[in-house]
Amino acid sequence: MHLKRWMVMVGVLSTSAVACAQTPATNSSTSQRGIEQATSTTSASSSSASTEYDFGDFSSETLTTKAWKALESGDYAGVEAYTKKCIALYEKQAVSQQESLTEFAPKDKAFTYWALNDVATCYFIWGQAQLAQGNVKEAREAFNTVIERFSFAQAWDPKGWFWKVAQGASDKLTTMGTAYDFGDYTSQTLTTKAWEVLEKQDYKGVELYTKKCIELYEGDAKKQQASLTEFAPKEKAFDYWALNDIATCYFILGESYLNQKRYQDAKAAFERVVNDFSFAQCWDPKGWFWKVAVASRGRLNKIMAEAGS
C-alpha cells in the first residue's frame, strides 16, 4: 500500500465539504443561473428553534457548498434549508440536462451541466444527513432519487477531479445498515480496510473493499505497470500507488478465496497479479516493500499442492 499520493473521489461518502459540480468560482455568475432576490436570508426551523440561514447569491454552487459545510458540522436543519432551496430552484433544469445526455459528459464539458450536478449532489447530501440521524427510509429515498433520476451527475472536488454522484449513492445503499465504510475512497484506505477484514475472516468485507478498489483504480494500475521495465527503486515505489494497491487487492482477494478453499477463484486472483501487475510492491509498516507477484507465485504453488490444479 502507498502512503502518500493524490487520489480520486476524496469525500464521496465522507462529510467533507467538497465543492459542487459547477463552474469554478472564478467563472460563477448569478446572471447565468442565480435568482434575483430582495433578501439573501430565509428561515428554516429545526426541532428546537428557528434559525436564519444565508443563501448568499442563491446560485446552485453556493447552496450546495453551504449544504456540504452544514453536513460536516452536523447542522441538519441547515442541510435541509440549503438542499431544499437548491432543489426547488434548479430541479427542473437538472431534469432537462439529464435528459439531454446519453453518457457522462467529458471533464471539459461537465461544468456545463451545473444544475444536474448540483441538484443530484444536494439529494446525496440530504441522504447523508438523513442517514446520520437514523432516518433510513428517507436516506434510501434520497439515494435512489440520485440513481434513478440523475444518473449522469458528477460532483466536482476542489482538488481537481469529478466523482459520479449516482455511484456514491449506490455505495451508500450497499453499505447501509452494515459496518462497512469506503471512507475517503483512496486506494490506500480501501486496501487497508481489505487487510483488516481479511484478518477477521470477514470474506464479504474482503470482496467489498477489494472489488471497489479494483473498480476505481485498475486502469491507473495498468498504466503504471506498462511504464515500468523493472521494479521501481524504494525511493520511487510510492509513486506507483495504483499498481501496488491493485495488485495487493488481488492478492488479498486470492488469500480470502484460498482460506475458503475456493481454489479456482484463488488461482485466478493470484494469476492476475503475476500476469498483469508483476512490478507491484506492497509496503509493510515495519519498513520494507515485498513483491506481490513473488508472493502470488508462492500461493499458486500452494494451490497446486493442495488442490492439484
Foldseek 3Di string as FASTA:
>chain_A
DFDDDDFPQFPLLNLAQFWFQAPPPVPDDLVVQFDDDPAQWDWFADPPGIDIDGCDRRHLRSLLSQLSVCLVVLVLSSLCVSLVSLCVRQVVLLLVLQVVDPAADPPVCQNVSRSLGSNLSSLQSNLSSCVVVVNNVSSLVSLVCCVPRRQRHWTDGPVGDTDGNNVSSVVCVVCPPHPDDCHRVGLVSLLVQLVVVVVVLVLVSLCVSLVSLCVRQVVLLQVLQVVDPAADPPVCQSVNVSLQSNLSSLQSNLVSCVVVVVLVSSLVSLVCCQPRRQRHWYDDPVGDTDGSNVVSVVVVVVSCVPPVD
